[in-house]
Amino acid sequence: MKSGFLLRLLNAALAFSIAPLFAGAQTENSGVEIRGRTVRTIPIALSGFPEEIRKTLEFDLYVVGFEVASDKPQYHLSGTIQGELRGTLTDVNTQQALFSRAYPGGTARAQAHALANDVVKALLQLPGIAQTKVAFRSAPGQRNAKGETVSEIWAADYDGFNAVALTSDTSIAVGPSWVPGQMKLFYTSYRANRPEIYLQDLRTGERKRVFSFPGTSSSPSVSPDGTRVAMILSRSGSPDLWVANVDGSNLRQLTTTRELEASPCWSPDGRTLCFTSTESGRAALYTMPASGGSMQRLNTGGVTQCTEPDWSPDGKWIAFTRAAGEFTIFVMPAAGGDAKAATAGEDPSWSPNSRTLIFARRSGSERRLSLLDVPSGHVKDLSRISGSCSQPSWAR
């Protein structure tokens, strides 16, 4: 959903003078509510699992707000293996079994993911995220014959396992955006010596160029119903917001400012777009109808230099990057106001259940991908993914 090209362009045009704020998080069940540094987690004990399954469960549960603990757990998840894995979740206080299920077939990791998802559904009343996919930009640090810093598009399981390169052009590829419900991605590639937008099928490997115009073609973002794509094109001069059908037809220009637009994202109902613009003289968030209309500046509660918005699938929240000083991720109500800092980092992308963010944060000279459970404040690095990575996009 993001374009590193446009973000760097925005950053170059702006003065960064505001120190970042930090806050922790607190929740009631699945709600995202940030209040100072109070953190509430759900203590759960694990027993009877082989090491690989246990480690997978610990990861899957931690990134949705559970704290694996043997001291005063609220819930107990036990496992037995007699030809197949069986998991039993018990309320420690009442000693009532909340469920007991078998998980036949598949790898140990797949069984653990399925069990973790059942725990999340039982205790948080949310769909689990342990069997989801993410895509991202990977920059290994090499340069090509033209002197460009190479970056490719990769995809992986949400926990960093099974990472695979989707492009290998020895060029620049940025800004992946999933087609919802399909194993397909839009992204921007410079393989033809200018930024063009491609669509790639992950199952077949087939890709096709969909949008190619003079100037910039970047920041593709697919509508929730998978029929339209918003993007940034500079074919009329300055980078403006455009929308088209995913096959490239019915291309329409939405903004006509002389400033810079970047990083569009969709509301869950597909009626509204949120994006970054420098219309006010500095990067700020705006919304406008996806069918066209006037731009409305979003109230971010006094937070400035706002970029890279992402609208939560439940429609309640917008996460964005404050591109000032040390980049910081904020979360705010979708209607605007009371934006609160969640963690240091950039490029936020919501999980399908609107609880967890995947984002990039600096580690020395590199960027690494991490997961943030917004209600609890839990952060987990995706240590299995090596190299400098950014612009993650969570499949929905």
Protein backbone atom coordinates (compact mmCIF):
# COMPACT_ATOMS: atom_id res chain seq x y z
CA MET A 1 0.00 0.00 0.00
CA LYS A 2 2.96 2.28 0.50
CA SER A 3 5.44 3.71 -1.93
CA GLY A 4 8.93 4.23 -0.59
CA PHE A 5 9.57 6.50 -3.57
CA LEU A 6 6.77 8.90 -2.69
CA LEU A 7 7.42 8.74 1.03
CA ARG A 8 11.04 9.75 0.51
CA LEU A 9 9.79 12.52 -1.80
CA LEU A 10 7.45 13.75 0.92
CA ASN A 11 10.17 13.55 3.53
CA ALA A 12 12.54 15.57 1.38
CA ALA A 13 9.92 18.31 1.06
CA LEU A 14 9.19 18.60 4.77
CA ALA A 15 11.06 19.83 7.82
CA PHE A 16 11.13 17.34 10.69
CA SER A 17 11.15 19.20 13.99
CA ILE A 18 8.73 17.46 16.36
CA ALA A 19 9.92 14.93 18.93
CA PRO A 20 8.03 11.61 18.96
CA LEU A 21 5.57 10.64 21.66
CA PHE A 22 5.24 7.18 23.14
CA ALA A 23 2.36 5.39 24.78
CA GLY A 24 1.50 1.87 25.77
CA ALA A 25 -1.80 0.11 25.27
CA GLN A 26 -4.69 -1.46 27.08
CA THR A 27 -7.72 -3.37 25.93
CA GLU A 28 -11.03 -4.84 26.83
CA ASN A 29 -11.25 -8.01 24.79
CA SER A 30 -10.88 -7.19 21.09
CA GLY A 31 -11.17 -3.40 21.31
CA VAL A 32 -8.18 -1.21 20.53
CA GLU A 33 -7.83 1.39 23.26
CA ILE A 34 -4.57 3.15 24.06
CA ARG A 35 -4.32 4.81 27.48
CA GLY A 36 -0.90 5.84 28.69
CA ARG A 37 1.41 2.94 29.41
CA THR A 38 -1.01 0.56 31.14
CA VAL A 39 -0.76 -2.93 29.67
CA ARG A 40 -3.23 -5.74 30.19
CA THR A 41 -2.38 -9.24 29.02
CA ILE A 42 -4.14 -12.59 29.34
CA PRO A 43 -2.07 -15.15 31.32
CA ILE A 44 -2.25 -18.66 29.91
CA ALA A 45 -0.38 -21.85 30.81
CA LEU A 46 0.73 -24.44 28.24
CA SER A 47 1.45 -28.09 28.98
CA GLY A 48 1.90 -31.38 27.17
CA PHE A 49 3.10 -30.00 23.82
CA PRO A 50 6.24 -31.04 21.90
CA GLU A 51 8.82 -28.25 21.61
CA GLU A 52 8.02 -27.17 18.04
CA ILE A 53 4.29 -26.94 18.73
CA ARG A 54 4.87 -25.15 22.02
CA LYS A 55 7.16 -22.54 20.46
CA THR A 56 4.67 -21.92 17.67
CA LEU A 57 1.82 -21.55 20.15
CA GLU A 58 3.84 -19.16 22.31
CA PHE A 59 4.45 -16.92 19.28
CA ASP A 60 0.88 -17.11 17.97
CA LEU A 61 -0.65 -16.30 21.35
CA TYR A 62 1.84 -13.58 22.36
CA VAL A 63 1.11 -11.45 19.28
CA VAL A 64 -2.60 -11.32 20.15
CA GLY A 65 -2.12 -10.31 23.79
CA PHE A 66 -1.59 -13.56 25.70
CA GLU A 67 1.24 -13.99 28.19
CA VAL A 68 2.43 -17.58 28.53
CA ALA A 69 2.88 -18.05 32.27
CA SER A 70 2.80 -20.90 34.76
CA ASP A 71 2.20 -18.54 37.71
CA LYS A 72 -1.48 -17.67 38.23
CA PRO A 73 -2.72 -18.38 34.71
CA GLN A 74 -6.28 -17.49 33.84
CA TYR A 75 -6.50 -20.26 31.26
CA HIS A 76 -4.74 -23.57 30.70
CA LEU A 77 -4.09 -24.99 27.24
CA SER A 78 -3.05 -28.65 27.35
CA GLY A 79 -2.07 -30.99 24.58
CA THR A 80 -1.92 -34.72 24.05
CA ILE A 81 -0.61 -36.66 21.08
CA GLN A 82 -1.99 -40.12 20.47
CA GLY A 83 -1.65 -40.42 16.73
CA GLU A 84 -2.91 -36.85 16.37
CA LEU A 85 -2.74 -33.60 18.31
CA ARG A 86 -5.61 -32.83 20.68
CA GLY A 87 -5.82 -29.46 22.39
CA THR A 88 -7.96 -28.67 25.42
CA LEU A 89 -8.60 -25.14 26.70
CA THR A 90 -9.71 -24.84 30.33
CA ASP A 91 -10.83 -21.89 32.46
CA VAL A 92 -8.60 -22.19 35.53
CA ASN A 93 -11.04 -20.45 37.88
CA THR A 94 -14.08 -22.57 37.02
CA GLN A 95 -12.19 -25.68 35.84
CA GLN A 96 -14.58 -25.72 32.89
CA ALA A 97 -13.26 -27.03 29.57
CA LEU A 98 -14.02 -24.39 26.94
CA PHE A 99 -13.18 -26.76 24.09
CA SER A 100 -11.32 -29.98 23.36
CA ARG A 101 -10.46 -30.61 19.72
CA ALA A 102 -8.33 -32.88 17.54
CA TYR A 103 -6.02 -31.48 14.85
CA PRO A 104 -5.24 -34.34 12.48
CA GLY A 105 -2.81 -34.16 9.57
CA GLY A 106 -0.54 -31.36 8.44
CA THR A 107 2.76 -30.24 9.90
CA ALA A 108 3.33 -29.53 13.57
CA ARG A 109 3.34 -25.80 12.80
CA ALA A 110 0.05 -26.03 10.91
CA GLN A 111 -1.57 -27.90 13.79
CA ALA A 112 -0.28 -25.32 16.28
CA HIS A 113 -1.57 -22.43 14.14
CA ALA A 114 -5.02 -24.01 13.92
CA LEU A 115 -5.11 -24.55 17.69
CA ALA A 116 -3.98 -20.96 18.36
CA ASN A 117 -6.72 -19.63 16.10
CA ASP A 118 -9.29 -21.63 18.06
CA VAL A 119 -8.02 -20.14 21.32
CA VAL A 120 -8.31 -16.62 19.89
CA LYS A 121 -11.84 -17.29 18.67
CA ALA A 122 -12.90 -18.79 22.02
CA LEU A 123 -11.41 -16.10 24.28
CA LEU A 124 -11.31 -12.94 22.15
CA GLN A 125 -14.28 -13.61 19.88
CA LEU A 126 -12.07 -12.79 16.91
CA PRO A 127 -10.85 -14.78 13.91
CA GLY A 128 -7.25 -15.88 14.42
CA ILE A 129 -4.36 -14.62 12.32
CA ALA A 130 -1.96 -17.56 12.64
CA GLN A 131 -2.63 -18.90 9.14
CA THR A 132 -2.37 -15.58 7.27
CA LYS A 133 0.20 -14.27 4.79
CA VAL A 134 2.18 -11.04 4.47
CA ALA A 135 4.09 -9.44 1.61
CA PHE A 136 6.93 -6.95 1.93
CA ARG A 137 9.81 -5.19 0.23
CA SER A 138 13.26 -6.69 0.81
CA ALA A 139 16.45 -4.73 0.09
CA PRO A 140 19.51 -7.00 0.48
CA GLY A 141 21.93 -4.10 0.06
CA GLN A 142 23.25 -4.93 -3.40
CA ARG A 143 23.40 -2.58 -6.37
CA ASN A 144 22.65 -3.42 -9.98
CA ALA A 145 24.56 -2.43 -13.11
CA LYS A 146 22.75 0.93 -13.16
CA GLY A 147 23.89 1.71 -9.62
CA GLU A 148 20.40 1.32 -8.15
CA THR A 149 19.89 -0.21 -4.72
CA VAL A 150 18.04 -3.42 -5.51
CA SER A 151 14.77 -4.27 -3.76
CA GLU A 152 12.43 -7.19 -4.44
CA ILE A 153 8.92 -8.19 -3.34
CA TRP A 154 8.66 -11.19 -1.01
CA ALA A 155 5.82 -13.06 0.67
CA ALA A 156 5.82 -15.17 3.84
CA ASP A 157 3.64 -16.67 6.52
CA TYR A 158 2.70 -14.00 9.04
CA ASP A 159 5.33 -15.28 11.49
CA GLY A 160 8.14 -15.08 8.93
CA PHE A 161 8.26 -18.76 7.98
CA ASN A 162 8.21 -19.92 4.34
CA ALA A 163 9.51 -16.63 2.94
CA VAL A 164 9.79 -16.65 -0.85
CA ALA A 165 10.91 -14.04 -3.38
CA LEU A 166 8.18 -13.04 -5.83
CA THR A 167 10.38 -10.84 -8.00
CA SER A 168 14.00 -11.32 -9.05
CA ASP A 169 14.53 -8.50 -11.52
CA THR A 170 17.67 -7.04 -9.89
CA SER A 171 15.81 -3.74 -10.03
CA ILE A 172 13.54 -1.76 -7.69
CA ALA A 173 10.19 -3.22 -6.62
CA VAL A 174 8.11 -1.51 -3.92
CA GLY A 175 4.65 -1.12 -2.38
CA PRO A 176 2.96 -4.56 -2.43
CA SER A 177 -0.84 -4.61 -2.05
CA TRP A 178 -2.89 -7.82 -1.88
CA VAL A 179 -6.03 -8.45 -3.87
CA PRO A 180 -8.40 -9.46 -1.02
CA GLY A 181 -9.30 -13.13 -0.95
CA GLN A 182 -6.88 -13.98 -3.75
CA MET A 183 -3.25 -14.99 -3.93
CA LYS A 184 -2.47 -11.98 -6.10
CA LEU A 185 -0.46 -8.80 -5.51
CA PHE A 186 -0.14 -5.39 -7.08
CA TYR A 187 3.22 -3.64 -6.73
CA THR A 188 5.38 -1.01 -8.41
CA SER A 189 8.45 -2.09 -10.38
CA TYR A 190 11.21 -0.11 -12.09
CA ARG A 191 12.27 -3.10 -14.22
CA ALA A 192 11.45 -1.16 -17.43
CA ASN A 193 13.46 1.86 -16.22
CA ARG A 194 10.44 3.75 -14.89
CA PRO A 195 7.87 3.06 -12.16
CA GLU A 196 5.02 0.90 -13.47
CA ILE A 197 2.32 -1.05 -11.63
CA TYR A 198 2.19 -4.82 -12.04
CA LEU A 199 -0.23 -7.55 -10.95
CA GLN A 200 1.27 -10.93 -10.04
CA ASP A 201 -0.43 -14.26 -9.37
CA LEU A 202 1.41 -16.02 -6.54
CA ARG A 203 0.10 -19.45 -7.50
CA THR A 204 1.20 -19.40 -11.14
CA GLY A 205 3.96 -16.78 -11.01
CA GLU A 206 2.32 -14.99 -13.93
CA ARG A 207 2.53 -11.21 -13.86
CA LYS A 208 1.32 -8.47 -16.12
CA ARG A 209 1.86 -4.76 -16.38
CA VAL A 210 -1.45 -3.02 -15.66
CA PHE A 211 -0.59 0.69 -15.36
CA SER A 212 2.24 2.40 -17.24
CA PHE A 213 2.31 6.14 -17.84
CA PRO A 214 4.89 8.90 -18.14
CA GLY A 215 6.06 9.98 -14.70
CA THR A 216 5.23 8.14 -11.49
CA SER A 217 2.91 5.14 -11.25
CA SER A 218 3.00 3.92 -7.67
CA SER A 219 1.25 3.15 -4.36
CA PRO A 220 -1.36 0.65 -5.61
CA SER A 221 -4.06 -0.14 -3.03
CA VAL A 222 -6.83 -2.63 -3.83
CA SER A 223 -10.42 -2.07 -2.69
CA PRO A 224 -11.87 -4.49 -0.10
CA ASP A 225 -14.10 -6.12 -2.73
CA GLY A 226 -11.11 -6.65 -5.03
CA THR A 227 -12.60 -4.79 -8.00
CA ARG A 228 -10.79 -1.43 -7.93
CA VAL A 229 -7.32 -0.13 -7.30
CA ALA A 230 -6.32 3.32 -6.05
CA MET A 231 -2.87 4.59 -6.98
CA ILE A 232 -0.68 7.65 -7.37
CA LEU A 233 0.01 8.84 -10.92
CA SER A 234 1.86 11.95 -12.07
CA ARG A 235 0.71 11.75 -15.70
CA SER A 236 -0.98 15.16 -15.28
CA GLY A 237 2.00 16.80 -13.58
CA SER A 238 2.15 16.46 -9.80
CA PRO A 239 1.49 13.10 -8.10
CA ASP A 240 -2.30 12.80 -7.79
CA LEU A 241 -4.74 10.17 -6.59
CA TRP A 242 -6.39 8.02 -9.26
CA VAL A 243 -8.76 5.03 -9.21
CA ALA A 244 -9.36 2.33 -11.82
CA ASN A 245 -10.76 -1.16 -12.18
CA VAL A 246 -8.21 -3.87 -11.39
CA ASP A 247 -7.96 -4.75 -15.09
CA GLY A 248 -6.86 -1.18 -15.87
CA SER A 249 -10.17 0.05 -17.27
CA ASN A 250 -12.24 3.05 -16.13
CA LEU A 251 -9.25 5.12 -14.99
CA ARG A 252 -10.34 8.29 -13.16
CA GLN A 253 -8.40 11.14 -11.57
CA LEU A 254 -9.64 12.08 -8.07
CA THR A 255 -7.31 14.86 -6.91
CA THR A 256 -6.04 17.85 -8.88
CA THR A 257 -3.80 19.60 -6.37
CA ARG A 258 -0.40 21.07 -7.16
CA GLU A 259 1.01 19.32 -4.11
CA LEU A 260 1.97 15.69 -3.45
CA GLU A 261 -0.44 12.85 -2.75
CA ALA A 262 0.71 9.43 -1.53
CA SER A 263 -0.19 6.17 0.24
CA PRO A 264 -3.93 5.69 -0.41
CA CYS A 265 -5.94 3.13 1.56
CA TRP A 266 -9.61 2.12 1.50
CA SER A 267 -12.37 2.15 4.08
CA PRO A 268 -13.77 -1.38 4.62
CA ASP A 269 -17.00 -0.52 2.78
CA GLY A 270 -15.02 0.69 -0.25
CA ARG A 271 -16.72 4.08 -0.27
CA THR A 272 -13.92 6.27 1.08
CA LEU A 273 -10.20 6.69 0.53
CA CYS A 274 -7.70 7.94 3.09
CA PHE A 275 -4.35 9.22 1.85
CA THR A 276 -1.46 11.57 2.51
CA SER A 277 -1.27 15.02 0.94
CA THR A 278 0.93 18.09 1.36
CA GLU A 279 -2.00 20.35 0.40
CA SER A 280 -1.68 22.16 3.75
CA GLY A 281 2.08 22.66 3.39
CA ARG A 282 3.08 19.56 5.35
CA ALA A 283 2.13 15.91 5.18
CA ALA A 284 -1.38 15.36 6.57
CA LEU A 285 -4.12 12.76 6.24
CA TYR A 286 -7.15 13.40 4.05
CA THR A 287 -10.26 11.48 3.09
CA MET A 288 -12.47 11.71 0.03
CA PRO A 289 -15.22 9.63 -1.59
CA ALA A 290 -13.82 6.86 -3.79
CA SER A 291 -16.27 8.00 -6.47
CA GLY A 292 -14.79 11.51 -6.40
CA GLY A 293 -15.55 14.69 -4.49
CA SER A 294 -13.88 17.09 -2.13
CA MET A 295 -10.86 16.36 0.06
CA GLN A 296 -11.45 16.55 3.82
CA ARG A 297 -8.49 16.90 6.16
CA LEU A 298 -8.63 14.30 8.93
CA ASN A 299 -8.31 15.57 12.49
CA THR A 300 -5.29 13.78 13.97
CA GLY A 301 -5.52 15.45 17.36
CA GLY A 302 -2.55 17.75 16.84
CA VAL A 303 -0.21 15.08 15.46
CA THR A 304 1.57 16.39 12.36
CA GLN A 305 3.70 15.03 9.50
CA CYS A 306 1.26 12.13 9.00
CA THR A 307 1.92 9.53 6.29
CA GLU A 308 1.17 5.90 5.35
CA PRO A 309 -2.40 5.47 6.66
CA ASP A 310 -3.99 2.04 6.89
CA TRP A 311 -7.69 1.58 7.72
CA SER A 312 -8.54 -1.35 10.00
CA PRO A 313 -10.83 -3.98 8.40
CA ASP A 314 -13.47 -3.44 11.11
CA GLY A 315 -13.66 0.23 10.09
CA LYS A 316 -12.92 1.62 13.55
CA TRP A 317 -9.25 2.65 13.39
CA ILE A 318 -6.61 4.23 11.20
CA ALA A 319 -2.96 3.53 11.85
CA PHE A 320 -0.38 5.88 10.35
CA THR A 321 3.26 6.94 10.50
CA ARG A 322 4.38 10.21 11.99
CA ALA A 323 7.35 11.03 9.76
CA ALA A 324 9.18 13.35 12.14
CA GLY A 325 12.42 12.64 13.99
CA GLU A 326 12.25 8.98 14.94
CA PHE A 327 9.35 7.62 12.91
CA THR A 328 6.42 6.65 15.14
CA ILE A 329 3.26 4.66 14.47
CA PHE A 330 0.03 6.19 15.75
CA VAL A 331 -3.47 4.73 16.03
CA MET A 332 -6.58 6.89 15.96
CA PRO A 333 -10.37 6.51 15.59
CA ALA A 334 -11.32 6.42 11.93
CA ALA A 335 -13.55 9.47 12.42
CA GLY A 336 -10.49 11.45 13.52
CA GLY A 337 -9.04 12.89 16.72
CA ASP A 338 -7.13 11.57 19.74
CA ALA A 339 -4.29 9.91 17.83
CA LYS A 340 -2.00 8.05 20.21
CA ALA A 341 1.52 6.73 19.69
CA ALA A 342 1.72 2.95 19.66
CA THR A 343 5.36 2.16 18.88
CA ALA A 344 8.46 3.44 17.11
CA GLY A 345 8.32 2.36 13.49
CA GLU A 346 6.76 2.95 10.08
CA ASP A 347 4.69 1.28 7.32
CA PRO A 348 1.83 -0.09 9.50
CA SER A 349 -0.56 -2.67 8.04
CA TRP A 350 -3.53 -4.11 9.95
CA SER A 351 -4.19 -7.79 10.47
CA PRO A 352 -7.47 -9.17 9.09
CA ASN A 353 -8.98 -9.15 12.61
CA SER A 354 -8.08 -5.47 13.23
CA ARG A 355 -6.05 -6.20 16.37
CA THR A 356 -2.41 -6.59 15.32
CA LEU A 357 -0.14 -4.45 13.13
CA ILE A 358 2.82 -5.55 11.07
CA PHE A 359 5.31 -2.72 10.63
CA ALA A 360 8.95 -1.89 9.91
CA ARG A 361 11.36 -0.51 12.45
CA ARG A 362 14.97 0.51 12.25
CA SER A 363 17.66 -1.83 13.53
CA GLY A 364 21.01 -0.17 12.95
CA SER A 365 21.30 0.57 9.24
CA GLU A 366 18.49 -1.86 8.35
CA ARG A 367 14.74 -2.04 8.72
CA ARG A 368 13.24 -5.17 10.26
CA LEU A 369 9.65 -6.38 10.31
CA SER A 370 7.80 -6.72 13.62
CA LEU A 371 4.30 -7.42 14.89
CA LEU A 372 2.51 -5.19 17.40
CA ASP A 373 -0.55 -6.34 19.33
CA VAL A 374 -2.12 -2.91 19.77
CA PRO A 375 -4.28 -3.59 22.87
CA SER A 376 -1.54 -5.26 24.94
CA GLY A 377 1.50 -3.49 23.49
CA HIS A 378 3.25 -6.81 22.77
CA VAL A 379 5.92 -6.51 20.06
CA LYS A 380 7.55 -9.48 18.36
CA ASP A 381 10.28 -9.30 15.73
CA LEU A 382 10.05 -11.53 12.67
CA SER A 383 13.58 -12.79 13.19
CA ARG A 384 13.36 -15.48 10.50
CA ILE A 385 13.20 -12.80 7.80
CA SER A 386 16.72 -11.54 7.14
CA GLY A 387 17.91 -8.41 5.41
CA SER A 388 16.46 -4.92 5.36
CA CYS A 389 12.68 -5.17 4.93
CA SER A 390 9.89 -2.59 4.81
CA GLN A 391 6.45 -1.78 3.36
CA PRO A 392 4.66 -4.87 4.73
CA SER A 393 1.15 -5.65 3.52
CA TRP A 394 -1.09 -8.11 5.37
CA ALA A 395 -3.28 -10.35 3.20
CA ARG A 396 -6.99 -10.01 4.02
